[in-house]
Protein backbone atom coordinates (compact mmCIF):
# COMPACT_ATOMS: atom_id res chain seq x y z
CA MET A 1 -12.73 -76.78 15.36
CA LYS A 2 -15.22 -74.39 13.86
CA LEU A 3 -18.70 -75.65 13.08
CA THR A 4 -22.05 -74.21 12.05
CA VAL A 5 -25.03 -75.81 13.73
CA ARG A 6 -28.61 -75.35 12.40
CA TYR A 7 -31.81 -76.05 14.20
CA VAL A 8 -34.80 -76.89 12.02
CA ALA A 9 -38.56 -76.45 12.69
CA ALA A 10 -39.52 -77.08 16.34
CA LEU A 11 -35.88 -77.37 17.40
CA ARG A 12 -35.35 -73.77 16.18
CA ASP A 13 -38.15 -72.63 18.57
CA ARG A 14 -36.82 -74.74 21.40
CA MET A 15 -33.20 -73.52 21.02
CA GLY A 16 -34.33 -69.92 20.47
CA ARG A 17 -32.34 -69.52 17.26
CA ALA A 18 -31.97 -71.02 13.79
CA GLU A 19 -28.23 -71.24 13.60
CA ALA A 20 -25.09 -70.96 15.71
CA ASP A 21 -21.43 -70.72 14.70
CA LEU A 22 -19.37 -72.56 17.27
CA ASP A 23 -15.71 -72.76 18.07
CA LEU A 24 -15.49 -76.18 19.77
CA PRO A 25 -12.90 -77.31 22.28
CA GLU A 26 -10.64 -80.24 21.50
CA GLY A 27 -12.14 -83.68 21.97
CA ILE A 28 -15.40 -83.10 20.27
CA ALA A 29 -15.03 -85.23 17.23
CA ASP A 30 -18.58 -86.42 16.54
CA SER A 31 -22.22 -85.54 16.76
CA GLU A 32 -22.82 -87.28 20.11
CA ALA A 33 -19.88 -85.33 21.74
CA LEU A 34 -21.30 -82.12 20.30
CA ILE A 35 -24.73 -82.83 21.71
CA GLY A 36 -23.18 -83.50 25.22
CA HIS A 37 -21.32 -80.17 24.89
CA LEU A 38 -24.47 -78.38 23.95
CA ARG A 39 -26.53 -79.95 26.69
CA ALA A 40 -23.88 -78.86 29.30
CA ALA A 41 -24.41 -75.25 28.18
CA GLU A 42 -28.18 -75.25 27.52
CA PRO A 43 -30.78 -77.56 29.01
CA ALA A 44 -32.95 -77.09 25.86
CA ALA A 45 -30.36 -79.06 23.88
CA GLU A 46 -31.60 -82.24 25.55
CA ALA A 47 -34.12 -82.50 22.64
CA LEU A 48 -31.20 -82.95 20.18
CA SER A 49 -30.39 -86.34 21.59
CA HIS A 50 -33.81 -87.84 20.84
CA PRO A 51 -33.23 -90.72 18.37
CA SER A 52 -35.99 -89.42 15.99
CA VAL A 53 -33.96 -86.23 15.33
CA ARG A 54 -32.19 -86.60 12.03
CA LEU A 55 -28.67 -85.31 11.44
CA ILE A 56 -27.89 -83.52 8.17
CA LEU A 57 -24.21 -83.05 7.70
CA ASN A 58 -23.16 -80.87 4.89
CA ASP A 59 -26.56 -81.38 3.14
CA ALA A 60 -26.53 -85.19 3.49
CA ILE A 61 -28.54 -87.23 5.99
CA VAL A 62 -26.09 -89.17 8.18
CA PRO A 63 -26.39 -91.80 10.85
CA ARG A 64 -25.34 -91.29 14.45
CA PRO A 65 -22.72 -90.74 15.68
CA ALA A 66 -21.57 -88.60 12.69
CA PRO A 67 -17.85 -87.72 12.62
CA LEU A 68 -17.30 -83.92 12.46
CA SER A 69 -14.61 -81.93 10.70
CA ASP A 70 -13.59 -78.26 10.80
CA GLY A 71 -15.87 -76.13 8.70
CA ASP A 72 -18.79 -78.60 8.69
CA THR A 73 -22.47 -77.61 8.86
CA LEU A 74 -24.63 -79.86 10.97
CA ALA A 75 -28.35 -79.50 11.06
CA PHE A 76 -30.70 -81.09 13.57
CA CYS A 77 -34.01 -81.88 12.01
CA PRO A 78 -37.00 -83.23 14.09
CA PRO A 79 -39.57 -85.51 12.53
CA PHE A 80 -42.41 -83.71 10.86
CA THR A 81 -45.24 -84.36 8.44
CA GLY A 82 -46.77 -82.38 5.67
CA GLY A 83 -49.62 -82.37 3.35
């Protein structure tokens, strides 16, 4: 499955990039499996599993675990405030 992952705000800084195009192995069918896969490859991905990090799947906020499909775009968005 091919998937685009985006990291927003502080997560972009933590991961060292804004976006990644991934070709995932079989068995990764939802956001929690994806996070586990990313954590195995990069310790910084631990931050993605924090419950306050919102998931935005194809431009819609979704609850965890979010099912994933080929061609999806999943963004990880940490909490932030503005003024």
